[in-house]
């Protein structure tokens, strides 16, 4: 099977290891999701990117960040791209857990 270069393959294996323990842990992707949802608007604010203007500072940004992470809106494209593999690995881990319960 062709995976590209060896370094690329090892990069994706290490991501899979650190994010969800090869699909065995569904808690790790949930923790990563929380980290991304909270830290992404902080990083955007730090780098002075275009953020939605609101009077209730942290809540509006975190709500927009969560909506982008869970693919509801497209305010933060980078966060949507981070959300796809994390959510996918979460669903894989949950599927494995429920398949073992049968």
PDB file of N, CA and C in Angstrom:
ATOM      1  N   UNK A   1       0.844  -1.169   0.000  1.00  0.00           N
ATOM      2  CA  UNK A   1       0.000   0.000   0.000  1.00  0.00           C
ATOM      3  C   UNK A   1       0.889   1.231   0.000  1.00  0.00           C
ATOM      4  N   UNK A   2       0.526   2.231  -0.753  1.00  0.00           N
ATOM      5  CA  UNK A   2       1.349   3.428  -0.892  1.00  0.00           C
ATOM      6  C   UNK A   2       0.819   4.524   0.028  1.00  0.00           C
ATOM      7  N   UNK A   3       1.674   5.029   0.900  1.00  0.00           N
ATOM      8  CA  UNK A   3       1.300   6.079   1.844  1.00  0.00           C
ATOM      9  C   UNK A   3       2.051   7.374   1.590  1.00  0.00           C
ATOM     10  N   UNK A   4       2.782   7.488   0.551  1.00  0.00           N
ATOM     11  CA  UNK A   4       3.638   8.654   0.352  1.00  0.00           C
ATOM     12  C   UNK A   4       4.988   8.368   0.975  1.00  0.00           C
ATOM     13  N   UNK A   5       5.616   9.396   1.465  1.00  0.00           N
ATOM     14  CA  UNK A   5       6.924   9.175   2.078  1.00  0.00           C
ATOM     15  C   UNK A   5       6.768   8.568   3.460  1.00  0.00           C
ATOM     16  N   UNK A   6       7.813   7.973   3.943  1.00  0.00           N
ATOM     17  CA  UNK A   6       7.791   7.335   5.264  1.00  0.00           C
ATOM     18  C   UNK A   6       7.527   8.361   6.368  1.00  0.00           C
ATOM     19  N   UNK A   7       8.070   9.551   6.224  1.00  0.00           N
ATOM     20  CA  UNK A   7       7.857  10.589   7.223  1.00  0.00           C
ATOM     21  C   UNK A   7       6.402  11.017   7.316  1.00  0.00           C
ATOM     22  N   UNK A   8       5.723  11.114   6.183  1.00  0.00           N
ATOM     23  CA  UNK A   8       4.310  11.479   6.173  1.00  0.00           C
ATOM     24  C   UNK A   8       3.482  10.415   6.873  1.00  0.00           C
ATOM     25  N   UNK A   9       3.764   9.148   6.573  1.00  0.00           N
ATOM     26  CA  UNK A   9       3.043   8.052   7.218  1.00  0.00           C
ATOM     27  C   UNK A   9       3.251   8.074   8.730  1.00  0.00           C
ATOM     28  N   UNK A  10       4.490   8.263   9.163  1.00  0.00           N
ATOM     29  CA  UNK A  10       4.775   8.288  10.601  1.00  0.00           C
ATOM     30  C   UNK A  10       4.135   9.490  11.274  1.00  0.00           C
ATOM     31  N   UNK A  11       4.012  10.608  10.564  1.00  0.00           N
ATOM     32  CA  UNK A  11       3.339  11.780  11.120  1.00  0.00           C
ATOM     33  C   UNK A  11       1.881  11.454  11.432  1.00  0.00           C
ATOM     34  N   UNK A  12       1.183  10.827  10.496  1.00  0.00           N
ATOM     35  CA  UNK A  12      -0.237  10.513  10.722  1.00  0.00           C
ATOM     36  C   UNK A  12      -0.411   9.435  11.787  1.00  0.00           C
ATOM     37  N   UNK A  13       0.498   8.508  11.861  1.00  0.00           N
ATOM     38  CA  UNK A  13       0.430   7.496  12.915  1.00  0.00           C
ATOM     39  C   UNK A  13       0.635   8.144  14.282  1.00  0.00           C
ATOM     40  N   UNK A  14       1.578   9.066  14.374  1.00  0.00           N
ATOM     41  CA  UNK A  14       1.811   9.727  15.668  1.00  0.00           C
ATOM     42  C   UNK A  14       0.636  10.609  16.062  1.00  0.00           C
ATOM     43  N   UNK A  15      -0.002  11.267  15.093  1.00  0.00           N
ATOM     44  CA  UNK A  15      -1.205  12.055  15.392  1.00  0.00           C
ATOM     45  C   UNK A  15      -2.292  11.128  15.927  1.00  0.00           C
ATOM     46  N   UNK A  16      -2.487  10.000  15.272  1.00  0.00           N
ATOM     47  CA  UNK A  16      -3.497   9.034  15.709  1.00  0.00           C
ATOM     48  C   UNK A  16      -3.175   8.506  17.098  1.00  0.00           C
ATOM     49  N   UNK A  17      -1.913   8.326  17.401  1.00  0.00           N
ATOM     50  CA  UNK A  17      -1.503   7.840  18.719  1.00  0.00           C
ATOM     51  C   UNK A  17      -1.796   8.870  19.792  1.00  0.00           C
ATOM     52  N   UNK A  18      -1.415  10.101  19.566  1.00  0.00           N
ATOM     53  CA  UNK A  18      -1.545  11.126  20.600  1.00  0.00           C
ATOM     54  C   UNK A  18      -2.983  11.619  20.764  1.00  0.00           C
ATOM     55  N   UNK A  19      -3.760  11.615  19.712  1.00  0.00           N
ATOM     56  CA  UNK A  19      -5.127  12.131  19.819  1.00  0.00           C
ATOM     57  C   UNK A  19      -6.064  11.094  20.414  1.00  0.00           C
ATOM     58  N   UNK A  20      -5.955   9.813  20.023  1.00  0.00           N
ATOM     59  CA  UNK A  20      -6.967   8.860  20.502  1.00  0.00           C
ATOM     60  C   UNK A  20      -6.443   7.465  20.806  1.00  0.00           C
ATOM     61  N   UNK A  21      -5.149   7.284  20.947  1.00  0.00           N
ATOM     62  CA  UNK A  21      -4.577   5.968  21.254  1.00  0.00           C
ATOM     63  C   UNK A  21      -5.025   4.914  20.244  1.00  0.00           C
ATOM     64  N   UNK A  22      -4.834   5.199  18.967  1.00  0.00           N
ATOM     65  CA  UNK A  22      -5.205   4.290  17.876  1.00  0.00           C
ATOM     66  C   UNK A  22      -6.692   3.933  17.886  1.00  0.00           C
ATOM     67  N   UNK A  23      -7.542   4.864  18.226  1.00  0.00           N
ATOM     68  CA  UNK A  23      -8.974   4.614  18.214  1.00  0.00           C
ATOM     69  C   UNK A  23      -9.502   3.916  19.446  1.00  0.00           C
ATOM     70  N   UNK A  24      -8.721   3.781  20.480  1.00  0.00           N
ATOM     71  CA  UNK A  24      -9.156   3.090  21.687  1.00  0.00           C
ATOM     72  C   UNK A  24      -9.733   4.034  22.741  1.00  0.00           C
ATOM     73  N   UNK A  25      -9.365   5.301  22.713  1.00  0.00           N
ATOM     74  CA  UNK A  25      -9.815   6.244  23.727  1.00  0.00           C
ATOM     75  C   UNK A  25     -10.750   7.276  23.107  1.00  0.00           C
ATOM     76  N   UNK A  26     -11.917   7.439  23.672  1.00  0.00           N
ATOM     77  CA  UNK A  26     -12.815   8.492  23.227  1.00  0.00           C
ATOM     78  C   UNK A  26     -12.742   9.704  24.157  1.00  0.00           C
ATOM     79  N   UNK A  27     -12.041   9.559  25.274  1.00  0.00           N
ATOM     80  CA  UNK A  27     -11.877  10.677  26.201  1.00  0.00           C
ATOM     81  C   UNK A  27     -10.829  11.657  25.670  1.00  0.00           C
ATOM     82  N   UNK A  28      -9.750  11.136  25.117  1.00  0.00           N
ATOM     83  CA  UNK A  28      -8.692  12.016  24.592  1.00  0.00           C
ATOM     84  C   UNK A  28      -9.191  12.950  23.497  1.00  0.00           C
ATOM     85  N   UNK A  29      -9.938  12.471  22.483  1.00  0.00           N
ATOM     86  CA  UNK A  29     -10.441  13.424  21.487  1.00  0.00           C
ATOM     87  C   UNK A  29     -11.400  14.451  22.093  1.00  0.00           C
ATOM     88  N   UNK A  30     -12.149  14.060  23.112  1.00  0.00           N
ATOM     89  CA  UNK A  30     -13.041  15.026  23.768  1.00  0.00           C
ATOM     90  C   UNK A  30     -12.225  16.120  24.466  1.00  0.00           C
ATOM     91  N   UNK A  31     -11.129  15.719  25.098  1.00  0.00           N
ATOM     92  CA  UNK A  31     -10.253  16.710  25.734  1.00  0.00           C
ATOM     93  C   UNK A  31      -9.610  17.604  24.678  1.00  0.00           C
ATOM     94  N   UNK A  32      -9.162  17.031  23.564  1.00  0.00           N
ATOM     95  CA  UNK A  32      -8.598  17.833  22.491  1.00  0.00           C
ATOM     96  C   UNK A  32      -9.635  18.798  21.922  1.00  0.00           C
ATOM     97  N   UNK A  33     -10.886  18.353  21.818  1.00  0.00           N
ATOM     98  CA  UNK A  33     -11.947  19.238  21.315  1.00  0.00           C
ATOM     99  C   UNK A  33     -12.128  20.435  22.236  1.00  0.00           C
ATOM    100  N   UNK A  34     -12.140  20.201  23.533  1.00  0.00           N
ATOM    101  CA  UNK A  34     -12.288  21.300  24.489  1.00  0.00           C
ATOM    102  C   UNK A  34     -11.095  22.255  24.392  1.00  0.00           C
ATOM    103  N   UNK A  35      -9.900  21.697  24.284  1.00  0.00           N
ATOM    104  CA  UNK A  35      -8.706  22.536  24.165  1.00  0.00           C
ATOM    105  C   UNK A  35      -8.771  23.404  22.912  1.00  0.00           C
ATOM    106  N   UNK A  36      -9.159  22.818  21.794  1.00  0.00           N
ATOM    107  CA  UNK A  36      -9.215  23.573  20.548  1.00  0.00           C
ATOM    108  C   UNK A  36     -10.297  24.644  20.607  1.00  0.00           C
ATOM    109  N   UNK A  37     -11.479  24.298  21.121  1.00  0.00           N
ATOM    110  CA  UNK A  37     -12.587  25.258  21.165  1.00  0.00           C
ATOM    111  C   UNK A  37     -12.250  26.446  22.059  1.00  0.00           C
ATOM    112  N   UNK A  38     -11.542  26.218  23.138  1.00  0.00           N
ATOM    113  CA  UNK A  38     -11.212  27.318  24.045  1.00  0.00           C
ATOM    114  C   UNK A  38      -9.982  28.095  23.571  1.00  0.00           C
ATOM    115  N   UNK A  39      -8.984  27.404  23.054  1.00  0.00           N
ATOM    116  CA  UNK A  39      -7.733  28.095  22.717  1.00  0.00           C
ATOM    117  C   UNK A  39      -7.762  28.793  21.360  1.00  0.00           C
ATOM    118  N   UNK A  40      -8.561  28.325  20.414  1.00  0.00           N
ATOM    119  CA  UNK A  40      -8.543  28.924  19.083  1.00  0.00           C
ATOM    120  C   UNK A  40      -8.972  30.390  19.094  1.00  0.00           C
ATOM    121  N   UNK A  41     -10.065  30.765  19.742  1.00  0.00           N
ATOM    122  CA  UNK A  41     -10.393  32.198  19.766  1.00  0.00           C
ATOM    123  C   UNK A  41      -9.368  33.030  20.522  1.00  0.00           C
ATOM    124  N   UNK A  42      -8.728  32.440  21.527  1.00  0.00           N
ATOM    125  CA  UNK A  42      -7.667  33.173  22.235  1.00  0.00           C
ATOM    126  C   UNK A  42      -6.491  33.456  21.314  1.00  0.00           C
ATOM    127  N   UNK A  43      -6.118  32.462  20.515  1.00  0.00           N
ATOM    128  CA  UNK A  43      -5.029  32.662  19.556  1.00  0.00           C
ATOM    129  C   UNK A  43      -5.418  33.686  18.495  1.00  0.00           C
ATOM    130  N   UNK A  44      -6.642  33.631  18.031  1.00  0.00           N
ATOM    131  CA  UNK A  44      -7.101  34.601  17.040  1.00  0.00           C
ATOM    132  C   UNK A  44      -7.094  36.011  17.628  1.00  0.00           C
ATOM    133  N   UNK A  45      -7.503  36.142  18.869  1.00  0.00           N
ATOM    134  CA  UNK A  45      -7.491  37.440  19.530  1.00  0.00           C
ATOM    135  C   UNK A  45      -6.057  37.923  19.734  1.00  0.00           C
ATOM    136  N   UNK A  46      -5.171  36.999  20.089  1.00  0.00           N
ATOM    137  CA  UNK A  46      -3.777  37.348  20.307  1.00  0.00           C
ATOM    138  C   UNK A  46      -3.123  37.868  19.024  1.00  0.00           C
ATOM    139  N   UNK A  47      -3.419  37.235  17.901  1.00  0.00           N
ATOM    140  CA  UNK A  47      -2.849  37.667  16.630  1.00  0.00           C
ATOM    141  C   UNK A  47      -3.690  38.727  15.944  1.00  0.00           C
ATOM    142  N   UNK A  48      -4.691  39.247  16.654  1.00  0.00           N
ATOM    143  CA  UNK A  48      -5.521  40.364  16.198  1.00  0.00           C
ATOM    144  C   UNK A  48      -6.226  40.059  14.879  1.00  0.00           C
ATOM    145  N   UNK A  49      -6.756  38.876  14.766  1.00  0.00           N
ATOM    146  CA  UNK A  49      -7.502  38.506  13.566  1.00  0.00           C
ATOM    147  C   UNK A  49      -8.928  39.041  13.690  1.00  0.00           C
ATOM    148  N   UNK A  50      -9.650  38.923  12.620  1.00  0.00           N
ATOM    149  CA  UNK A  50     -11.022  39.421  12.599  1.00  0.00           C
ATOM    150  C   UNK A  50     -11.907  38.508  13.435  1.00  0.00           C
ATOM    151  N   UNK A  51     -12.358  39.004  14.553  1.00  0.00           N
ATOM    152  CA  UNK A  51     -13.254  38.262  15.417  1.00  0.00           C
ATOM    153  C   UNK A  51     -14.607  38.958  15.444  1.00  0.00           C
ATOM    154  N   UNK A  52     -15.684  38.230  15.639  1.00  0.00           N
ATOM    155  CA  UNK A  52     -16.979  38.874  15.733  1.00  0.00           C
ATOM    156  C   UNK A  52     -17.022  39.822  16.928  1.00  0.00           C
ATOM    157  N   UNK A  53     -17.508  41.018  16.710  1.00  0.00           N
ATOM    158  CA  UNK A  53     -17.565  42.014  17.774  1.00  0.00           C
ATOM    159  C   UNK A  53     -18.762  41.733  18.669  1.00  0.00           C
ATOM    160  N   UNK A  54     -18.516  41.743  19.957  1.00  0.00           N
ATOM    161  CA  UNK A  54     -19.585  41.476  20.906  1.00  0.00           C
ATOM    162  C   UNK A  54     -19.234  42.097  22.244  1.00  0.00           C
ATOM    163  N   UNK A  55     -20.284  42.423  23.009  1.00  0.00           N
ATOM    164  CA  UNK A  55     -20.074  42.989  24.336  1.00  0.00           C
ATOM    165  C   UNK A  55     -19.685  41.923  25.351  1.00  0.00           C
ATOM    166  N   UNK A  56     -20.267  40.745  25.235  1.00  0.00           N
ATOM    167  CA  UNK A  56     -19.920  39.658  26.165  1.00  0.00           C
ATOM    168  C   UNK A  56     -18.739  38.873  25.593  1.00  0.00           C
ATOM    169  N   UNK A  57     -17.557  39.368  25.886  1.00  0.00           N
ATOM    170  CA  UNK A  57     -16.303  38.939  25.250  1.00  0.00           C
ATOM    171  C   UNK A  57     -16.084  37.433  25.210  1.00  0.00           C
ATOM    172  N   UNK A  58     -15.922  36.732  26.324  1.00  0.00           N
ATOM    173  CA  UNK A  58     -15.503  35.332  26.165  1.00  0.00           C
ATOM    174  C   UNK A  58     -16.609  34.426  25.639  1.00  0.00           C
ATOM    175  N   UNK A  59     -17.836  34.679  26.016  1.00  0.00           N
ATOM    176  CA  UNK A  59     -18.918  33.756  25.654  1.00  0.00           C
ATOM    177  C   UNK A  59     -19.220  33.774  24.166  1.00  0.00           C
ATOM    178  N   UNK A  60     -19.218  34.937  23.564  1.00  0.00           N
ATOM    179  CA  UNK A  60     -19.502  35.012  22.132  1.00  0.00           C
ATOM    180  C   UNK A  60     -18.405  34.333  21.323  1.00  0.00           C
ATOM    181  N   UNK A  61     -17.154  34.534  21.710  1.00  0.00           N
ATOM    182  CA  UNK A  61     -16.051  33.916  20.981  1.00  0.00           C
ATOM    183  C   UNK A  61     -16.047  32.401  21.138  1.00  0.00           C
ATOM    184  N   UNK A  62     -16.294  31.920  22.331  1.00  0.00           N
ATOM    185  CA  UNK A  62     -16.306  30.467  22.548  1.00  0.00           C
ATOM    186  C   UNK A  62     -17.501  29.835  21.842  1.00  0.00           C
ATOM    187  N   UNK A  63     -18.642  30.507  21.844  1.00  0.00           N
ATOM    188  CA  UNK A  63     -19.817  29.987  21.134  1.00  0.00           C
ATOM    189  C   UNK A  63     -19.543  29.913  19.628  1.00  0.00           C
ATOM    190  N   UNK A  64     -18.919  30.950  19.066  1.00  0.00           N
ATOM    191  CA  UNK A  64     -18.576  30.944  17.648  1.00  0.00           C
ATOM    192  C   UNK A  64     -17.529  29.881  17.354  1.00  0.00           C
ATOM    193  N   UNK A  65     -16.580  29.725  18.259  1.00  0.00           N
ATOM    194  CA  UNK A  65     -15.541  28.717  18.098  1.00  0.00           C
ATOM    195  C   UNK A  65     -16.139  27.311  18.120  1.00  0.00           C
ATOM    196  N   UNK A  66     -17.035  27.047  19.046  1.00  0.00           N
ATOM    197  CA  UNK A  66     -17.675  25.724  19.121  1.00  0.00           C
ATOM    198  C   UNK A  66     -18.510  25.450  17.878  1.00  0.00           C
ATOM    199  N   UNK A  67     -19.202  26.463  17.380  1.00  0.00           N
ATOM    200  CA  UNK A  67     -20.002  26.282  16.163  1.00  0.00           C
ATOM    201  C   UNK A  67     -19.110  25.972  14.971  1.00  0.00           C
ATOM    202  N   UNK A  68     -17.959  26.599  14.898  1.00  0.00           N
ATOM    203  CA  UNK A  68     -17.028  26.302  13.802  1.00  0.00           C
ATOM    204  C   UNK A  68     -16.430  24.906  13.952  1.00  0.00           C
ATOM    205  N   UNK A  69     -16.066  24.532  15.177  1.00  0.00           N
ATOM    206  CA  UNK A  69     -15.462  23.221  15.405  1.00  0.00           C
ATOM    207  C   UNK A  69     -16.419  22.095  15.043  1.00  0.00           C
ATOM    208  N   UNK A  70     -17.687  22.252  15.404  1.00  0.00           N
ATOM    209  CA  UNK A  70     -18.680  21.212  15.125  1.00  0.00           C
ATOM    210  C   UNK A  70     -19.356  21.382  13.769  1.00  0.00           C
ATOM    211  N   UNK A  71     -18.742  22.172  12.878  1.00  0.00           N
ATOM    212  CA  UNK A  71     -19.144  22.313  11.477  1.00  0.00           C
ATOM    213  C   UNK A  71     -20.512  22.962  11.304  1.00  0.00           C
ATOM    214  N   UNK A  72     -20.936  23.826  12.230  1.00  0.00           N
ATOM    215  CA  UNK A  72     -22.230  24.488  12.110  1.00  0.00           C
ATOM    216  C   UNK A  72     -22.114  25.763  11.288  1.00  0.00           C
ATOM    217  N   UNK A  73     -21.065  26.545  11.508  1.00  0.00           N
ATOM    218  CA  UNK A  73     -20.842  27.716  10.664  1.00  0.00           C
ATOM    219  C   UNK A  73     -19.389  27.752  10.224  1.00  0.00           C
ATOM    220  N   UNK A  74     -19.062  28.705   9.379  1.00  0.00           N
ATOM    221  CA  UNK A  74     -17.713  28.723   8.810  1.00  0.00           C
ATOM    222  C   UNK A  74     -16.949  29.985   9.191  1.00  0.00           C
ATOM    223  N   UNK A  75     -17.071  30.420  10.422  1.00  0.00           N
ATOM    224  CA  UNK A  75     -16.354  31.611  10.851  1.00  0.00           C
ATOM    225  C   UNK A  75     -14.856  31.363  10.894  1.00  0.00           C
ATOM    226  N   UNK A  76     -14.434  30.277  11.522  1.00  0.00           N
ATOM    227  CA  UNK A  76     -13.014  29.952  11.635  1.00  0.00           C
ATOM    228  C   UNK A  76     -12.727  28.719  10.767  1.00  0.00           C
ATOM    229  N   UNK A  77     -12.194  28.953   9.589  1.00  0.00           N
ATOM    230  CA  UNK A  77     -11.928  27.842   8.666  1.00  0.00           C
ATOM    231  C   UNK A  77     -10.864  26.911   9.225  1.00  0.00           C
ATOM    232  N   UNK A  78      -9.833  27.470   9.841  1.00  0.00           N
ATOM    233  CA  UNK A  78      -8.774  26.639  10.419  1.00  0.00           C
ATOM    234  C   UNK A  78      -9.297  25.713  11.491  1.00  0.00           C
ATOM    235  N   UNK A  79     -10.229  26.218  12.274  1.00  0.00           N
ATOM    236  CA  UNK A  79     -10.792  25.377  13.330  1.00  0.00           C
ATOM    237  C   UNK A  79     -11.690  24.293  12.753  1.00  0.00           C
ATOM    238  N   UNK A  80     -12.369  24.589  11.661  1.00  0.00           N
ATOM    239  CA  UNK A  80     -13.166  23.546  11.003  1.00  0.00           C
ATOM    240  C   UNK A  80     -12.257  22.426  10.513  1.00  0.00           C
ATOM    241  N   UNK A  81     -11.088  22.797   9.980  1.00  0.00           N
ATOM    242  CA  UNK A  81     -10.152  21.780   9.496  1.00  0.00           C
ATOM    243  C   UNK A  81      -9.574  20.959  10.641  1.00  0.00           C
ATOM    244  N   UNK A  82      -9.396  21.560  11.803  1.00  0.00           N
ATOM    245  CA  UNK A  82      -8.948  20.794  12.971  1.00  0.00           C
ATOM    246  C   UNK A  82     -10.066  19.903  13.509  1.00  0.00           C
ATOM    247  N   UNK A  83     -11.297  20.349  13.399  1.00  0.00           N
ATOM    248  CA  UNK A  83     -12.421  19.604  13.940  1.00  0.00           C
ATOM    249  C   UNK A  83     -12.730  18.326  13.200  1.00  0.00           C
ATOM    250  N   UNK A  84     -12.491  18.305  11.904  1.00  0.00           N
ATOM    251  CA  UNK A  84     -12.832  17.122  11.101  1.00  0.00           C
ATOM    252  C   UNK A  84     -12.101  15.866  11.585  1.00  0.00           C
ATOM    253  N   UNK A  85     -10.758  15.875  11.692  1.00  0.00           N
ATOM    254  CA  UNK A  85     -10.112  14.636  12.148  1.00  0.00           C
ATOM    255  C   UNK A  85     -10.382  14.318  13.614  1.00  0.00           C
ATOM    256  N   UNK A  86     -10.500  15.330  14.458  1.00  0.00           N
ATOM    257  CA  UNK A  86     -10.758  15.056  15.877  1.00  0.00           C
ATOM    258  C   UNK A  86     -12.138  14.438  16.057  1.00  0.00           C
ATOM    259  N   UNK A  87     -13.140  14.976  15.372  1.00  0.00           N
ATOM    260  CA  UNK A  87     -14.480  14.382  15.457  1.00  0.00           C
ATOM    261  C   UNK A  87     -14.504  12.988  14.838  1.00  0.00           C
ATOM    262  N   UNK A  88     -13.789  12.815  13.737  1.00  0.00           N
ATOM    263  CA  UNK A  88     -13.723  11.492  13.112  1.00  0.00           C
ATOM    264  C   UNK A  88     -13.105  10.452  14.026  1.00  0.00           C
ATOM    265  N   UNK A  89     -12.015  10.816  14.689  1.00  0.00           N
ATOM    266  CA  UNK A  89     -11.375   9.880  15.612  1.00  0.00           C
ATOM    267  C   UNK A  89     -12.245   9.612  16.835  1.00  0.00           C
ATOM    268  N   UNK A  90     -13.027  10.605  17.246  1.00  0.00           N
ATOM    269  CA  UNK A  90     -13.969  10.389  18.348  1.00  0.00           C
ATOM    270  C   UNK A  90     -15.022   9.358  17.959  1.00  0.00           C
ATOM    271  N   UNK A  91     -15.572   9.494  16.760  1.00  0.00           N
ATOM    272  CA  UNK A  91     -16.604   8.558  16.317  1.00  0.00           C
ATOM    273  C   UNK A  91     -16.040   7.150  16.119  1.00  0.00           C
ATOM    274  N   UNK A  92     -14.817   7.052  15.641  1.00  0.00           N
ATOM    275  CA  UNK A  92     -14.184   5.738  15.484  1.00  0.00           C
ATOM    276  C   UNK A  92     -14.014   5.070  16.846  1.00  0.00           C
ATOM    277  N   UNK A  93     -13.535   5.828  17.834  1.00  0.00           N
ATOM    278  CA  UNK A  93     -13.335   5.257  19.174  1.00  0.00           C
ATOM    279  C   UNK A  93     -14.664   4.847  19.799  1.00  0.00           C
ATOM    280  N   UNK A  94     -15.705   5.669  19.637  1.00  0.00           N
ATOM    281  CA  UNK A  94     -17.018   5.301  20.180  1.00  0.00           C
ATOM    282  C   UNK A  94     -17.587   4.075  19.483  1.00  0.00           C
ATOM    283  N   UNK A  95     -17.391   3.978  18.178  1.00  0.00           N
ATOM    284  CA  UNK A  95     -17.875   2.810  17.439  1.00  0.00           C
ATOM    285  C   UNK A  95     -17.189   1.545  17.936  1.00  0.00           C
ATOM    286  N   UNK A  96     -15.881   1.613  18.144  1.00  0.00           N
ATOM    287  CA  UNK A  96     -15.150   0.442  18.660  1.00  0.00           C
ATOM    288  C   UNK A  96     -15.623   0.066  20.054  1.00  0.00           C
ATOM    289  N   UNK A  97     -15.894   1.063  20.879  1.00  0.00           N
ATOM    290  CA  UNK A  97     -16.339   0.766  22.243  1.00  0.00           C
ATOM    291  C   UNK A  97     -17.695   0.077  22.229  1.00  0.00           C
ATOM    292  N   UNK A  98     -18.616   0.562  21.411  1.00  0.00           N
ATOM    293  CA  UNK A  98     -19.941  -0.040  21.388  1.00  0.00           C
ATOM    294  C   UNK A  98     -19.950  -1.387  20.679  1.00  0.00           C
ATOM    295  N   UNK A  99     -19.028  -1.620  19.738  1.00  0.00           N
ATOM    296  CA  UNK A  99     -18.944  -2.927  19.090  1.00  0.00           C
ATOM    297  C   UNK A  99     -18.450  -3.992  20.061  1.00  0.00           C
ATOM    298  N   UNK A 100     -17.588  -3.625  20.999  1.00  0.00           N
ATOM    299  CA  UNK A 100     -17.086  -4.580  21.980  1.00  0.00           C
ATOM    300  C   UNK A 100     -18.129  -4.939  23.028  1.00  0.00           C
ATOM    301  N   UNK A 101     -19.136  -4.098  23.203  1.00  0.00           N
ATOM    302  CA  UNK A 101     -20.155  -4.357  24.233  1.00  0.00           C
ATOM    303  C   UNK A 101     -21.128  -5.450  23.821  1.00  0.00           C
ATOM    304  N   UNK A 102     -21.210  -5.784  22.527  1.00  0.00           N
ATOM    305  CA  UNK A 102     -22.203  -6.760  22.047  1.00  0.00           C
ATOM    306  C   UNK A 102     -21.968  -8.133  22.603  1.00  0.00           C
TER     307      UNK A 102
END
